[in-house]
Each structure stands twice: as structure tokens, then as C-alpha cells.
Protein backbone atom coordinates (compact mmCIF):
# COMPACT_ATOMS: atom_id res chain seq x y z
CA MET A 1 -0.11 0.08 0.06
CA PRO A 2 1.46 3.51 -1.08
CA TYR A 3 1.79 6.20 1.34
CA HIS A 4 0.55 9.39 1.18
CA PHE A 5 1.25 13.29 2.15
CA ALA A 6 -1.37 14.32 3.98
CA GLN A 7 -1.95 18.46 4.94
CA VAL A 8 -4.21 20.26 6.14
CA ASN A 9 -4.41 24.41 6.78
CA ILE A 10 -7.15 26.36 8.34
CA ALA A 11 -7.67 29.88 8.07
CA ARG A 12 -10.14 32.54 10.23
CA ALA A 13 -12.09 34.49 7.47
CA GLN A 14 -12.22 37.97 8.66
CA TYR A 15 -16.10 38.13 7.45
CA LYS A 16 -18.55 36.37 6.16
CA LEU A 17 -18.53 34.39 2.68
CA ASP A 18 -21.10 36.69 1.11
CA ASP A 19 -19.40 40.15 1.81
CA PRO A 20 -17.98 41.71 -1.25
CA ARG A 21 -14.40 41.78 0.37
CA MET A 22 -14.46 38.27 0.52
CA ALA A 23 -15.26 38.17 -3.37
CA ASP A 24 -11.74 37.57 -4.82
CA PHE A 25 -11.01 34.41 -2.25
CA VAL A 26 -14.96 33.07 -3.00
CA ASN A 27 -14.75 33.65 -6.71
CA ASN A 28 -11.77 31.69 -7.21
CA THR A 29 -12.07 28.89 -4.67
CA GLU A 30 -13.49 26.56 -7.46
CA ARG A 31 -10.76 27.22 -9.91
CA ILE A 32 -7.66 26.75 -7.55
CA ASN A 33 -9.61 23.33 -6.32
CA VAL A 34 -9.61 22.20 -10.20
CA LEU A 35 -6.15 23.26 -10.30
CA ALA A 36 -4.70 20.90 -7.50
CA GLU A 37 -6.41 18.16 -8.86
CA GLU A 38 -5.04 18.75 -11.92
CA SER A 39 -1.73 18.80 -10.75
CA PRO A 40 0.73 16.05 -10.80
CA GLY A 41 0.84 14.07 -7.60
CA PHE A 42 -2.62 14.92 -6.39
CA ILE A 43 -4.64 12.42 -4.72
CA TRP A 44 -7.81 13.58 -2.88
CA ARG A 45 -9.05 16.29 -1.33
CA TRP A 46 -11.74 16.48 1.16
CA ILE A 47 -14.83 18.26 -0.12
CA GLU A 48 -17.25 19.97 2.79
CA GLU A 49 -20.67 18.72 2.77
CA PRO A 50 -23.27 21.40 4.30
CA SER A 51 -22.82 20.35 7.68
CA ASN A 52 -21.92 21.79 10.90
CA GLU A 53 -18.53 19.57 11.00
CA ILE A 54 -16.02 22.38 10.83
CA TYR A 55 -17.62 23.56 13.92
CA GLU A 56 -17.89 20.39 15.91
CA VAL A 57 -14.41 19.83 15.45
CA PHE A 58 -12.52 23.06 15.65
CA GLY A 59 -14.66 24.89 17.66
CA ASP A 60 -15.00 28.19 15.43
CA PRO A 61 -17.67 28.72 12.58
CA ALA A 62 -15.64 31.21 11.09
CA LEU A 63 -12.70 28.44 9.89
CA ILE A 64 -12.38 27.42 6.43
CA VAL A 65 -10.51 24.01 6.12
CA ASN A 66 -8.66 22.46 3.38
CA MET A 67 -7.51 19.26 3.71
CA SER A 68 -5.78 17.07 0.43
CA LEU A 69 -3.65 13.96 -0.17
CA TRP A 70 -0.35 14.19 -2.36
CA GLU A 71 2.14 11.66 -3.74
CA SER A 72 5.05 13.48 -1.70
CA ARG A 73 6.03 16.57 -0.16
CA GLU A 74 7.17 17.80 -3.45
CA THR A 75 4.39 17.44 -5.57
CA LEU A 76 2.48 19.29 -2.65
CA MET A 77 4.97 22.02 -2.84
CA ALA A 78 5.37 22.33 -6.46
CA PHE A 79 1.34 23.32 -6.67
CA THR A 80 1.64 25.47 -3.92
CA TYR A 81 4.72 27.44 -5.02
CA GLN A 82 4.75 26.90 -8.80
CA THR A 83 1.34 27.45 -10.01
CA ALA A 84 -1.38 30.09 -9.93
CA HIS A 85 -2.13 28.97 -6.30
CA VAL A 86 0.38 30.99 -5.28
CA TYR A 87 -1.03 34.24 -6.24
CA ILE A 88 -4.40 33.48 -4.23
CA TYR A 89 -1.63 32.43 -1.33
CA LYS A 90 0.06 36.06 -1.06
CA ARG A 91 -3.07 37.34 -1.03
CA ARG A 92 -4.33 36.02 2.46
CA LYS A 93 -3.84 38.23 4.48
CA GLU A 94 -6.92 40.23 2.90
CA TRP A 95 -9.42 37.58 3.84
CA PHE A 96 -8.17 35.82 7.21
CA SER A 97 -6.81 36.44 10.29
CA LYS A 98 -3.79 35.76 11.88
CA LEU A 99 -4.14 32.46 14.03
CA LYS A 100 -2.11 32.37 17.13
CA ASP A 101 -1.16 28.15 16.70
CA SER A 102 -0.07 26.88 13.78
CA HIS A 103 -2.58 26.79 10.93
CA MET A 104 -1.15 24.16 8.97
CA VAL A 105 0.02 20.37 9.52
CA CYS A 106 1.90 17.45 7.12
CA TRP A 107 1.84 14.08 7.89
CA TYR A 108 2.40 10.72 5.96
CA THR A 109 -0.83 8.13 6.14
CA LYS A 110 -1.69 5.14 4.36
CA GLU A 111 -5.21 5.80 3.80
CA PRO A 112 -7.05 7.13 1.04
CA THR A 113 -8.77 9.79 2.68
CA ILE A 114 -8.21 11.93 5.59
CA SER A 115 -10.27 13.20 8.67
CA LEU A 116 -11.11 16.50 10.26
CA LYS A 117 -10.66 14.47 13.62
CA GLU A 118 -7.03 13.24 12.79
CA ALA A 119 -6.21 16.81 11.05
CA LYS A 120 -7.00 18.40 14.52
CA LYS A 121 -5.16 15.43 16.68
CA ARG A 122 -2.31 16.34 14.40
CA LEU A 123 -2.57 20.00 14.65
CA ASP A 124 -3.14 20.08 18.18
CA HIS A 125 0.03 17.87 18.43
CA LEU A 126 2.22 19.99 16.00
CA ASN A 127 1.19 23.37 18.36
CA ALA A 128 1.29 21.35 21.78
CA LYS A 129 4.98 19.49 20.96
CA GLY A 130 6.57 21.18 17.81
CA GLU A 131 7.75 19.45 14.75
CA THR A 132 8.11 15.86 14.79
CA ALA A 133 7.27 13.16 12.35
CA TYR A 134 4.24 12.60 13.72
CA ALA A 135 3.26 16.21 12.82
CA PHE A 136 4.89 19.21 10.90
CA SER A 137 5.23 21.98 8.81
CA PHE A 138 6.28 22.33 5.61
CA ARG A 139 9.33 23.71 7.32
CA SER A 140 10.28 19.87 8.33
CA ASN A 141 11.20 17.44 5.55
CA PHE A 142 10.84 14.41 7.67
CA THR A 143 10.45 10.90 5.73
CA ILE A 144 8.54 8.06 5.29
CA GLU A 145 11.08 6.07 7.26
CA GLU A 146 10.96 8.39 10.33
CA ALA A 147 6.83 8.64 10.17
CA LYS A 148 6.56 4.90 10.09
CA GLN A 149 6.34 4.08 13.49
CA TYR A 150 3.04 6.18 13.33
CA LEU A 151 1.66 4.43 10.55
């Protein structure tokens, strides 16, 4: 069974999604999601169904969550920083508040998808214990071998 590179990032919107100040973000979301799905190394992304699941897991109704699986750290980084995604990423301060704790976490998994509960557990671990092979950021380059004890 192959290993996947999992990531979640969360953001707290400064305004409601129907606010005109969020229009550029909202209007580009589908285009960037399609770009991700068509990018080399993309495996899966979480598609939010209408529910209170984000609030139930994270306790914040203003959070926006992005979760995805990639073949490797390198394929995710290429999408993040070498496609049109980077232009939206650079504008994030227009739409989102700075969070006190880490807003992104990565890890390796064998699973074909990931859940919000798993993502929250990894993010909490990163915020409490720092970067480990269990939960880390883009700043770290842990290998699958280092993470195997958690798989």
C-alpha cells in the first residue's frame, strides 16, 4: 500500500463568505481546486458537505478548512508555490486573520482519505509538542521512514 503526504490548513475568515471583501477569494476557490486536482501528484481533497462538522471539530464557525493527500511533499510544494495557487496564497492576509497557533500541519498516511478529527489531532500535536515525524510543517522534511512508527 502506498504512503501519502497529508496536509490540512485552516484559516479564520475576517468576513462572511458573502461579504464583497471576500469575493476574490470565493470566486477563485473552484478554479484553484480544479488546478489542484489536475496537478501532478494530487490524490484526494476533502470536499465539505453542508453540515456543522468544522464547528463540531474545531469549535469555530469562521474557520475554512482545506485537506488533501499528495504523492509527496515535493508535489504538494510544487502546486502550492509554482502554480496560480501562489497568487491567491500571497493575498491571504486580505481575507484571513492571523491565528495564534499553527494553521497548517502535514503527516504521512496509508489511508485513502483523512478526517477532520485526524487533522485536528495532528494540528493539536504540532502546536503542543512542535515538529515531529508525527506532525510537522513545510519547514521540516521528515521522511516516510521516520514517520513509519506512526503509520
